[in-house]
């Protein structure tokens, strides 16, 4: 077995691995994609609905082949972290890019020049995605993104609930997916707030399936002063033990020793706790902690004078109905009575907004107003089968992530058509901008750009060749809807993808492959 990665010394094993990965992930692509099922030695089943999850369970004996698997997994994970979707397409493009690149390299072409061409193309495609993307302007477009992402993978009742939740919460709201106690899908609107920081240690996690910290009716402490010793929390710890309630601590400076002791107590089940660390400059400026304190009734003072020995008391605590803490985000669901407090705060912020002179300050106040007035929609899935529950949850969460990404960077035609249009743009550009052997990287990328469209049709069991030719003639932004088998302007028909997701897919797959082909 090789200890060092080698693309060519283990070429046959590497090509077999790429083909295996390709065959495994392509079945999950699109609205008619299938589900991968993995069974471990204990016969526990895992339903896999996207490429990043599926590739995790593949195994290769050859060292080089497994390195390729890990690199593909890394590229897919980067795409998913950035846009919340697109992991399957990232792996699919990566497989095609690497396979075609190897074909050129074994025939003697220079890997450095091919890699240079891929890098230039990568920047060109990134700019083209941004150029062609269109901002979301109406609710119908968000519904279109939802429909493109889900296709026929969820029942009509659940789709209608999701559609309703989008219209209720607006652009700044949140959608959460959870299990219902009855066998019926339901929608519940609650007041809440989200912050862009997660748990300080993964050892706080109490839901291993979703790898989250979930606490019901926790007390909330927003520590405005450094936490250097566990003794600063002694009164609060005694109180939550007595109440048998969880504790959520949010602070800028929490000593490692304090976190270690909190983790130990949490693991020993002496009391339930999670700590969230934040950056003071960012969070003080955007007012998120002040808003959180308002909605949870916690004490919070922005005092510049640091008191390292401050003793926190029960009077400093606030409370929330539910808190969900992930690796990079935390969601606080608050009581309905907090809406009255939120309205008063919004009125104050609106008055301050009128006195703002700079656009920067205005944007901060507008964001805070949206945050305080924003609702959270809870989609409650009423499925009796736990495997079906996990599968539906993942699909819905991926669709919601696509909507969020679309609101950030806009939308592009879906159904694989945009990749074909990019391929046509690439042909014209490459003849003027690539030199020597760099030009062959155009063919490598072109073949990869045709794969999403092709595999969507394969999964739907529909011939694609003639439709592909017609689509190229019709040009941007025309697409082909596999659900109702019609051509149309994607921005009007709602066949849409997130521009952010497409950009991440192209960038992560192309840059990763250009790195592999120049490695020994």
Foldseek 3Di string as FASTA:
>chain_A
DDPDADCPVCVVLQLVLLVVLLVQALQLDWQLRDWDWDQDPVRDIAIHNHSLVRLVPDDDPDPNNVVLSVLLNVLLVLLCVQQVDQSSLLSNLLSLLQVVLVVVVVVPDDLLLQLVLLVVLLVVVLVVLLVFFDADDDLLLLLLLLCGLNPPVDDPVLSVLVSVQCVVQDLLAAEAEAADPAQDKDKDKFAKFKDFWFFPDLLLQDDVVVSKHKFFWAKEFEDLAAAPDCQLCVQVLVVCLVVLGEYEYEYAHYDPVNVVVLSVCCVVPSHRYTYIHDDCVVCVLLVRVVLVCLQQVADDDNDPDHDNNHRDHPNRIGIFRMWMGHRGMIMTTHDPVSLVSLVVVLVVLVVVLVVDDDPVSNVSSVSSNSRSPGMYMYTHRNDPDVNVSVVVNSSSSSSSSFSSLCNVSGKAAALLLVLQLSLVVLVVVLVPPRDDPSSVSSVSSSVSSCVSNCSNCVSLVHDCDVVSVVSVVVHPPWDADSSVGDIDHCSVVSRITRSSSVSSSSNSSSSSSSVVSPDD
